[in-house]
Amino acid sequence: MKHEVAGYNLVDVKKRNRSAILYLIYQSGGMSRKEIAQRLGLTPAAITLITSDMIAEGLLVETRTEYNSVRVGRKEVILDINFGHYAAVGVCINRTKAEIICTDLRQNVIFEEQFSIEGCRQKSKVIMGKTCGLIRTRLEQYEVARTKKILGVGIGVRGIVNSEKGVSTHSFHLWEDNVDVKTFFEEQLGLPVVVNNNVRALAYGELFYFFNDYPDNSIFIKHGPGVGAAHISVGSAASDFTCTPVELGHMIVDPGGRVCSCGNHGCLETIVSYEAIQENAKAVFSSTLTPTLYSLAEGSADRVSRDMILSAYDAGDKIIEEIFSRAAFYFAVAIRNSISLLNPSAIIMYGELFEDKKFWALLQQKLSCFPGCNMVVKSRFNLKMDTLGPASTIIGNFFSGGGNL
């Protein structure tokens, strides 16, 4: 019995050391065996043994030699991850569409796809079946399996997700409750699958790709079409973190306000969501109050879209500006409340609305009215993480396993 336990421990130690090497090189760039040993606190002999196996497996490559700055004339071989040897698939399924991406480990895109799910709501097998069909077709079309090792599929789904089981327990009207997403995709594609709430997948991607610059305690906020958030606490490696959902969209900021889908009155989503902004704009739609919007929609309130409303806002329709001003104020209130509760080092904002320079400046102005709100920044991968985030979860899963498929 002791021999079995010791054997298991040795295997576990080897996996953790391989995982640490992969994360270190991914986050810090190529480096010599000696530097890896120093950074991880392992002996050079142990690193040489471990990395030799990883090179033989195609995980690592020797990229170049560099002169040691301390020992003059001494050359050191630089090791790096074999980025182009692997591919990962990321999937985002939200209220209106399903998006797919396939990339190598450098985020070089191999293919991208998306399709509307407007006619498929409450039909999980239809949505998942079409998604799997597209993935299968494109993997074959681009001969991905012939040229690379496919690590698997990372999936981000709106709503409440049991990540351990890969089950979408409640998707808020996307599809039925308790949908076994993981099993369906694995059976259809024959690949490892990781399933997360979409905001958690976004937050993980932000952490995974920018780990060295990531604060150890932050709140990630996603806007569009509703509002989602996650509180992230980071350890010493990207694999060592906790990501706790924060129901920011259902924080009550206006107790006498509109009824929310959750049953409460005045939740943040009833003011700042796409749907709320569109409803408020339609309520005042006229040639006199909203002239730019009226012209863009050709006089028909039914034609009003989110893009038209944003264009009217940027053009200076006064009533539309008031709608966005109210949204920015209550967004600032919710952010300030979150800071008081969780004391983060940074607030990271993700969403199309934050790309509008006028609204971003307005939000910053509203935040300046409250003390301690000077750590609010936009995501570095804003609008690009919807599928890259889920893809990063499957890469992280691969790294955490020591590079074993």
Protein backbone atom coordinates (compact mmCIF):
# COMPACT_ATOMS: atom_id res chain seq x y z
CA MET A 1 0.00 0.00 0.00
CA LYS A 2 2.81 2.42 0.84
CA HIS A 3 4.40 1.73 -2.54
CA GLU A 4 1.14 2.62 -4.34
CA VAL A 5 0.77 5.89 -2.42
CA ALA A 6 4.40 6.84 -3.11
CA GLY A 7 3.95 6.05 -6.80
CA TYR A 8 0.85 8.21 -6.96
CA ASN A 9 2.66 11.06 -5.23
CA LEU A 10 5.58 10.88 -7.66
CA VAL A 11 3.21 11.03 -10.62
CA ASP A 12 1.40 13.95 -9.05
CA VAL A 13 4.65 15.82 -8.37
CA LYS A 14 5.78 15.26 -11.96
CA LYS A 15 2.47 16.60 -13.28
CA ARG A 16 2.66 19.67 -11.05
CA ASN A 17 6.26 20.38 -12.10
CA ARG A 18 5.38 20.06 -15.79
CA SER A 19 2.37 22.30 -15.24
CA ALA A 20 4.51 24.91 -13.47
CA ILE A 21 7.00 24.91 -16.37
CA LEU A 22 4.24 25.41 -18.95
CA TYR A 23 2.61 28.26 -17.03
CA LEU A 24 5.96 29.92 -16.33
CA ILE A 25 7.09 29.92 -19.96
CA TYR A 26 3.64 30.91 -21.25
CA GLN A 27 3.46 33.86 -18.88
CA SER A 28 7.11 34.99 -19.00
CA GLY A 29 8.36 33.93 -22.43
CA GLY A 30 11.12 31.56 -23.49
CA MET A 31 13.96 30.96 -21.03
CA SER A 32 16.89 28.67 -20.34
CA ARG A 33 16.75 25.51 -18.27
CA LYS A 34 18.87 27.24 -15.65
CA GLU A 35 16.44 30.14 -15.31
CA ILE A 36 13.47 27.77 -15.13
CA ALA A 37 15.20 25.90 -12.30
CA GLN A 38 15.90 29.15 -10.45
CA ARG A 39 12.37 30.49 -10.88
CA LEU A 40 10.71 27.25 -9.75
CA GLY A 41 13.18 26.32 -7.02
CA LEU A 42 14.08 22.99 -8.63
CA THR A 43 17.50 21.53 -9.41
CA PRO A 44 18.96 22.01 -12.91
CA ALA A 45 19.19 18.22 -13.23
CA ALA A 46 15.48 17.81 -12.50
CA ILE A 47 14.55 20.51 -15.01
CA THR A 48 16.78 18.94 -17.67
CA LEU A 49 15.10 15.57 -17.13
CA ILE A 50 11.55 16.96 -17.20
CA THR A 51 12.06 19.28 -20.17
CA SER A 52 13.77 16.54 -22.19
CA ASP A 53 10.55 14.52 -21.97
CA MET A 54 8.48 17.59 -22.88
CA ILE A 55 10.66 18.29 -25.92
CA ALA A 56 10.35 14.67 -27.05
CA GLU A 57 6.56 14.96 -26.76
CA GLY A 58 6.48 18.16 -28.84
CA LEU A 59 5.37 20.36 -25.93
CA LEU A 60 8.56 22.44 -25.83
CA VAL A 61 11.10 23.43 -28.47
CA GLU A 62 14.64 24.75 -28.36
CA THR A 63 14.32 28.09 -30.14
CA ARG A 64 17.72 29.78 -29.97
CA THR A 65 20.89 30.22 -27.95
CA GLU A 66 21.82 33.28 -25.92
CA TYR A 67 25.03 34.29 -24.19
CA ASN A 68 24.91 34.22 -20.41
CA SER A 69 25.31 37.80 -19.15
CA VAL A 70 27.08 36.61 -16.00
CA ARG A 71 29.32 33.86 -17.32
CA VAL A 72 31.01 35.47 -20.33
CA GLY A 73 31.19 33.25 -23.41
CA ARG A 74 28.74 30.72 -21.98
CA LYS A 75 25.80 29.97 -24.27
CA GLU A 76 22.40 28.90 -22.96
CA VAL A 77 19.67 27.23 -24.99
CA ILE A 78 16.28 28.94 -24.75
CA LEU A 79 13.19 26.75 -24.39
CA ASP A 80 9.74 27.85 -25.46
CA ILE A 81 6.30 26.33 -25.87
CA ASN A 82 5.58 24.79 -29.25
CA PHE A 83 2.74 27.25 -29.80
CA GLY A 84 1.87 26.28 -33.36
CA HIS A 85 1.69 22.57 -32.59
CA TYR A 86 -1.62 22.85 -30.72
CA ALA A 87 -5.11 24.20 -31.34
CA ALA A 88 -8.01 25.03 -29.04
CA VAL A 89 -11.67 25.69 -29.82
CA GLY A 90 -13.68 28.32 -27.95
CA VAL A 91 -17.48 28.59 -27.99
CA CYS A 92 -19.70 31.33 -26.59
CA ILE A 93 -23.47 30.76 -26.45
CA ASN A 94 -25.47 33.78 -25.35
CA ARG A 95 -28.99 35.12 -25.67
CA THR A 96 -28.85 35.92 -29.39
CA LYS A 97 -26.08 33.91 -31.04
CA ALA A 98 -23.47 31.18 -30.84
CA GLU A 99 -19.87 32.09 -31.67
CA ILE A 100 -16.97 29.74 -32.41
CA ILE A 101 -13.22 30.28 -32.70
CA CYS A 102 -10.28 27.95 -33.29
CA THR A 103 -6.80 29.26 -32.53
CA ASP A 104 -3.29 28.08 -31.85
CA LEU A 105 -1.69 28.89 -28.49
CA ARG A 106 -0.63 32.34 -29.75
CA GLN A 107 -4.27 33.28 -30.40
CA ASN A 108 -3.63 33.10 -34.16
CA VAL A 109 -7.08 32.46 -35.59
CA ILE A 110 -7.55 29.33 -37.69
CA PHE A 111 -11.27 29.87 -38.24
CA GLU A 112 -14.25 31.75 -36.79
CA GLU A 113 -17.98 31.15 -37.13
CA GLN A 114 -21.23 32.44 -35.67
CA PHE A 115 -24.96 31.94 -36.16
CA SER A 116 -28.17 33.38 -34.76
CA ILE A 117 -30.13 31.29 -32.27
CA GLU A 118 -33.22 33.51 -32.33
CA GLY A 119 -35.39 30.71 -33.70
CA CYS A 120 -33.87 28.00 -31.50
CA ARG A 121 -34.42 29.20 -27.94
CA GLN A 122 -35.48 26.53 -25.45
CA LYS A 123 -34.09 23.94 -27.89
CA SER A 124 -30.73 23.02 -26.43
CA LYS A 125 -30.11 20.02 -28.68
CA VAL A 126 -30.77 22.10 -31.80
CA ILE A 127 -28.35 24.83 -30.70
CA MET A 128 -25.66 22.42 -29.52
CA GLY A 129 -26.11 20.16 -32.53
CA LYS A 130 -25.66 23.02 -34.99
CA THR A 131 -22.62 24.26 -33.04
CA CYS A 132 -21.00 20.82 -33.07
CA GLY A 133 -21.77 20.42 -36.76
CA LEU A 134 -20.06 23.71 -37.60
CA ILE A 135 -17.02 22.85 -35.48
CA ARG A 136 -16.70 19.41 -37.08
CA THR A 137 -17.06 20.83 -40.61
CA ARG A 138 -14.50 23.59 -40.11
CA LEU A 139 -11.97 21.33 -38.38
CA GLU A 140 -12.13 19.05 -41.41
CA GLN A 141 -12.10 21.92 -43.91
CA TYR A 142 -8.97 23.46 -42.38
CA GLU A 143 -7.36 20.05 -41.72
CA VAL A 144 -6.68 21.08 -38.14
CA ALA A 145 -6.31 17.53 -36.83
CA ARG A 146 -3.70 16.77 -39.51
CA THR A 147 -1.47 19.74 -38.68
CA LYS A 148 -2.05 20.21 -34.95
CA LYS A 149 -3.06 18.47 -31.75
CA ILE A 150 -6.53 19.66 -30.77
CA LEU A 151 -6.65 20.26 -27.01
CA GLY A 152 -10.43 20.36 -26.79
CA VAL A 153 -13.36 22.74 -26.63
CA GLY A 154 -13.94 25.45 -24.02
CA ILE A 155 -17.54 26.63 -23.77
CA GLY A 156 -19.01 29.73 -22.14
CA VAL A 157 -22.77 29.69 -21.51
CA ARG A 158 -24.94 32.43 -20.03
CA GLY A 159 -26.56 31.78 -16.68
CA ILE A 160 -25.78 29.39 -13.85
CA VAL A 161 -23.35 26.59 -14.73
CA ASN A 162 -22.07 23.63 -12.73
CA SER A 163 -18.53 23.72 -14.14
CA GLU A 164 -17.45 20.53 -12.40
CA LYS A 165 -20.16 18.52 -14.17
CA GLY A 166 -20.38 20.70 -17.28
CA VAL A 167 -24.10 21.25 -16.81
CA SER A 168 -26.03 24.44 -17.61
CA THR A 169 -28.39 24.42 -14.64
CA HIS A 170 -30.29 27.64 -15.40
CA SER A 171 -29.67 29.74 -18.51
CA PHE A 172 -32.31 32.47 -18.04
CA HIS A 173 -34.43 31.55 -21.05
CA LEU A 174 -31.61 30.50 -23.41
CA TRP A 175 -32.70 26.86 -23.22
CA GLU A 176 -34.09 24.30 -20.77
CA ASP A 177 -32.74 23.83 -17.24
CA ASN A 178 -30.10 21.19 -16.41
CA VAL A 179 -28.63 20.78 -19.89
CA ASP A 180 -25.60 18.43 -19.90
CA VAL A 181 -23.46 20.49 -22.28
CA LYS A 182 -20.19 18.68 -21.57
CA THR A 183 -21.49 15.19 -22.34
CA PHE A 184 -23.25 16.31 -25.53
CA PHE A 185 -20.17 18.02 -27.00
CA GLU A 186 -17.78 15.25 -25.96
CA GLU A 187 -19.98 12.59 -27.56
CA GLN A 188 -20.42 14.62 -30.75
CA LEU A 189 -16.80 15.75 -31.19
CA GLY A 190 -14.71 13.19 -29.31
CA LEU A 191 -12.68 15.96 -27.66
CA PRO A 192 -12.19 17.11 -24.03
CA VAL A 193 -14.72 19.79 -23.07
CA VAL A 194 -14.70 22.44 -20.32
CA VAL A 195 -17.93 24.35 -19.60
CA ASN A 196 -18.18 27.61 -17.65
CA ASN A 197 -20.50 30.51 -17.10
CA ASN A 198 -19.72 32.99 -19.89
CA VAL A 199 -18.57 35.78 -17.55
CA ARG A 200 -16.28 33.40 -15.67
CA ALA A 201 -14.79 32.25 -18.99
CA LEU A 202 -14.21 35.88 -20.01
CA ALA A 203 -12.58 36.68 -16.67
CA TYR A 204 -10.38 33.60 -16.87
CA GLY A 205 -9.23 34.61 -20.36
CA GLU A 206 -8.32 38.09 -19.14
CA LEU A 207 -6.30 36.48 -16.34
CA PHE A 208 -4.73 33.77 -18.49
CA TYR A 209 -3.46 36.04 -21.26
CA PHE A 210 -2.29 38.88 -18.98
CA PHE A 211 -1.33 37.05 -15.79
CA ASN A 212 1.83 39.05 -15.02
CA ASP A 213 -0.08 42.34 -15.12
CA TYR A 214 -3.20 41.05 -13.40
CA PRO A 215 -4.06 42.34 -9.90
CA ASP A 216 -4.47 39.71 -7.21
CA ASN A 217 -7.97 40.89 -6.34
CA SER A 218 -10.29 42.29 -9.00
CA ILE A 219 -13.86 42.49 -10.27
CA PHE A 220 -14.57 41.70 -13.91
CA ILE A 221 -17.76 43.33 -15.23
CA LYS A 222 -19.40 42.41 -18.53
CA HIS A 223 -22.06 44.60 -20.14
CA GLY A 224 -24.25 43.36 -22.97
CA PRO A 225 -26.92 42.34 -23.38
CA GLY A 226 -27.40 42.38 -19.57
CA VAL A 227 -24.83 42.81 -16.80
CA GLY A 228 -22.65 40.05 -15.38
CA ALA A 229 -19.69 40.16 -13.02
CA ALA A 230 -17.14 37.97 -11.27
CA HIS A 231 -14.84 38.54 -8.30
CA ILE A 232 -11.37 37.11 -8.98
CA SER A 233 -8.74 36.30 -6.38
CA VAL A 234 -5.38 35.17 -7.80
CA GLY A 235 -2.71 32.97 -6.24
CA SER A 236 0.85 32.40 -7.41
CA ALA A 237 -0.10 30.84 -10.75
CA ALA A 238 -2.88 31.24 -13.30
CA SER A 239 -4.12 27.81 -12.28
CA ASP A 240 -4.45 29.01 -8.67
CA PHE A 241 -7.41 31.37 -8.55
CA THR A 242 -10.98 31.63 -7.40
CA CYS A 243 -13.70 33.19 -9.52
CA THR A 244 -16.95 33.93 -7.71
CA PRO A 245 -20.05 35.15 -9.57
CA VAL A 246 -21.30 38.58 -8.49
CA GLU A 247 -24.94 39.39 -9.27
CA LEU A 248 -24.15 42.99 -10.14
CA GLY A 249 -26.97 43.17 -12.67
CA HIS A 250 -29.46 42.41 -9.91
CA MET A 251 -28.07 44.86 -7.40
CA ILE A 252 -30.95 47.19 -6.48
CA VAL A 253 -29.91 50.76 -7.27
CA ASP A 254 -33.34 52.40 -7.72
CA PRO A 255 -35.86 50.82 -5.28
CA GLY A 256 -38.81 52.57 -6.92
CA GLY A 257 -37.76 51.60 -10.41
CA ARG A 258 -38.96 49.17 -13.05
CA VAL A 259 -39.71 45.53 -12.23
CA CYS A 260 -36.79 43.26 -13.11
CA SER A 261 -37.00 39.72 -14.53
CA CYS A 262 -35.81 38.52 -11.11
CA GLY A 263 -38.93 39.99 -9.47
CA ASN A 264 -37.28 42.90 -7.67
CA HIS A 265 -37.67 46.58 -8.49
CA GLY A 266 -34.89 48.84 -9.73
CA CYS A 267 -32.11 46.34 -10.42
CA LEU A 268 -29.14 47.72 -12.36
CA GLU A 269 -30.16 45.73 -15.44
CA THR A 270 -33.50 47.56 -15.61
CA ILE A 271 -31.54 50.75 -16.33
CA VAL A 272 -28.33 49.84 -18.17
CA SER A 273 -29.08 46.66 -20.16
CA TYR A 274 -29.46 46.87 -23.95
CA GLU A 275 -33.15 46.09 -23.58
CA ALA A 276 -33.72 48.82 -20.98
CA ILE A 277 -31.89 51.47 -23.01
CA GLN A 278 -33.82 50.49 -26.13
CA GLU A 279 -37.18 50.58 -24.32
CA ASN A 280 -36.40 54.00 -22.84
CA ALA A 281 -35.38 55.35 -26.25
CA LYS A 282 -38.53 54.03 -27.91
CA ALA A 283 -40.67 55.60 -25.17
CA VAL A 284 -39.51 59.10 -26.17
CA PHE A 285 -39.13 58.42 -29.90
CA SER A 286 -40.33 61.38 -31.96
CA SER A 287 -39.15 63.81 -34.62
CA THR A 288 -38.87 66.61 -32.05
CA LEU A 289 -37.40 64.84 -29.00
CA THR A 290 -35.06 62.42 -30.80
CA PRO A 291 -34.48 63.94 -34.26
CA THR A 292 -31.35 61.98 -35.13
CA LEU A 293 -32.79 58.67 -33.97
CA TYR A 294 -36.07 59.45 -35.77
CA SER A 295 -34.18 60.04 -39.00
CA LEU A 296 -32.02 56.92 -38.65
CA ALA A 297 -35.10 54.76 -38.00
CA GLU A 298 -36.98 56.43 -40.88
CA GLY A 299 -39.76 57.47 -38.53
CA SER A 300 -40.55 53.94 -37.30
CA ALA A 301 -40.01 53.04 -33.64
CA ASP A 302 -40.06 49.37 -34.63
CA ARG A 303 -36.87 49.91 -36.63
CA VAL A 304 -34.93 51.36 -33.70
CA SER A 305 -31.78 49.35 -32.98
CA ARG A 306 -29.00 49.53 -30.41
CA ASP A 307 -26.56 50.88 -33.00
CA MET A 308 -29.01 53.62 -34.01
CA ILE A 309 -29.48 54.66 -30.38
CA LEU A 310 -25.72 54.86 -29.85
CA SER A 311 -25.34 56.91 -33.05
CA ALA A 312 -28.07 59.29 -31.88
CA TYR A 313 -26.32 59.59 -28.51
CA ASP A 314 -22.98 60.41 -30.16
CA ALA A 315 -24.76 62.91 -32.45
CA GLY A 316 -26.16 64.77 -29.44
CA ASP A 317 -29.87 63.93 -29.21
CA LYS A 318 -30.53 65.51 -25.80
CA ILE A 319 -33.13 63.03 -24.54
CA ILE A 320 -30.95 60.09 -25.59
CA GLU A 321 -28.02 61.72 -23.78
CA GLU A 322 -30.17 61.86 -20.64
CA ILE A 323 -30.92 58.12 -20.94
CA PHE A 324 -27.20 57.32 -21.15
CA SER A 325 -26.38 59.78 -18.37
CA ARG A 326 -28.81 57.98 -16.07
CA ALA A 327 -27.33 54.61 -17.08
CA ALA A 328 -23.78 55.84 -16.38
CA PHE A 329 -24.78 57.23 -12.98
CA TYR A 330 -26.37 54.01 -11.76
CA PHE A 331 -23.51 51.97 -13.22
CA ALA A 332 -21.16 54.13 -11.13
CA VAL A 333 -23.32 53.58 -8.04
CA ALA A 334 -23.20 49.80 -8.50
CA ILE A 335 -19.43 49.86 -9.05
CA ARG A 336 -18.91 51.98 -5.93
CA ASN A 337 -21.05 49.57 -3.89
CA SER A 338 -19.03 46.62 -5.22
CA ILE A 339 -15.79 48.31 -4.23
CA SER A 340 -17.12 48.85 -0.71
CA LEU A 341 -18.12 45.20 -0.41
CA LEU A 342 -15.13 43.46 -2.04
CA ASN A 343 -12.26 45.98 -1.84
CA PRO A 344 -10.71 45.08 -5.23
CA SER A 345 -7.43 46.39 -6.62
CA ALA A 346 -9.01 46.87 -10.04
CA ILE A 347 -12.36 46.90 -11.84
CA ILE A 348 -12.12 45.55 -15.40
CA MET A 349 -14.93 46.54 -17.78
CA TYR A 350 -15.84 44.46 -20.82
CA GLY A 351 -18.43 45.31 -23.45
CA GLU A 352 -19.25 47.15 -26.66
CA LEU A 353 -20.68 50.16 -24.84
CA PHE A 354 -17.28 50.93 -23.30
CA GLU A 355 -15.77 51.32 -26.78
CA ASP A 356 -17.90 54.44 -27.25
CA LYS A 357 -15.50 57.24 -26.24
CA LYS A 358 -18.29 59.59 -25.24
CA PHE A 359 -19.94 57.07 -22.90
CA TRP A 360 -16.61 55.92 -21.45
CA ALA A 361 -15.73 59.54 -20.60
CA LEU A 362 -19.20 59.99 -19.10
CA LEU A 363 -18.83 56.88 -16.94
CA GLN A 364 -15.43 58.08 -15.72
CA GLN A 365 -16.98 61.45 -14.87
CA LYS A 366 -19.78 59.80 -12.87
CA LEU A 367 -17.26 57.57 -11.08
CA SER A 368 -15.19 60.61 -10.10
CA CYS A 369 -18.13 61.74 -7.96
CA PHE A 370 -17.44 58.81 -5.62
CA PRO A 371 -14.19 58.30 -3.67
CA GLY A 372 -12.00 55.30 -4.43
CA CYS A 373 -13.21 54.65 -7.98
CA ASN A 374 -9.95 55.38 -9.79
CA MET A 375 -9.13 51.74 -10.57
CA VAL A 376 -11.74 51.20 -13.29
CA VAL A 377 -10.18 50.18 -16.63
CA LYS A 378 -11.28 48.60 -19.91
CA SER A 379 -10.39 45.02 -20.75
CA ARG A 380 -7.27 44.75 -22.91
CA PHE A 381 -9.08 42.24 -25.11
CA ASN A 382 -12.39 44.11 -25.09
CA LEU A 383 -14.86 42.55 -27.57
CA LYS A 384 -12.34 39.81 -28.46
CA MET A 385 -12.67 37.61 -25.37
CA ASP A 386 -16.15 36.15 -25.95
CA THR A 387 -14.64 33.10 -27.64
CA LEU A 388 -10.96 33.52 -26.68
CA GLY A 389 -11.99 33.33 -23.02
CA PRO A 390 -13.59 29.88 -23.36
CA ALA A 391 -10.64 28.77 -25.53
CA SER A 392 -8.25 29.82 -22.75
CA THR A 393 -10.08 27.56 -20.28
CA ILE A 394 -9.26 24.48 -22.35
CA ILE A 395 -5.63 25.61 -22.72
CA GLY A 396 -5.47 26.20 -18.97
CA ASN A 397 -6.94 22.75 -18.40
CA PHE A 398 -4.20 21.29 -20.61
CA PHE A 399 -1.45 23.18 -18.78
CA SER A 400 -2.84 22.23 -15.36
CA GLY A 401 -2.65 18.59 -16.40
CA GLY A 402 1.04 18.97 -17.20
CA GLY A 403 0.47 18.95 -20.95
CA ASN A 404 -1.19 15.56 -21.07
CA LEU A 405 -4.18 15.11 -23.39
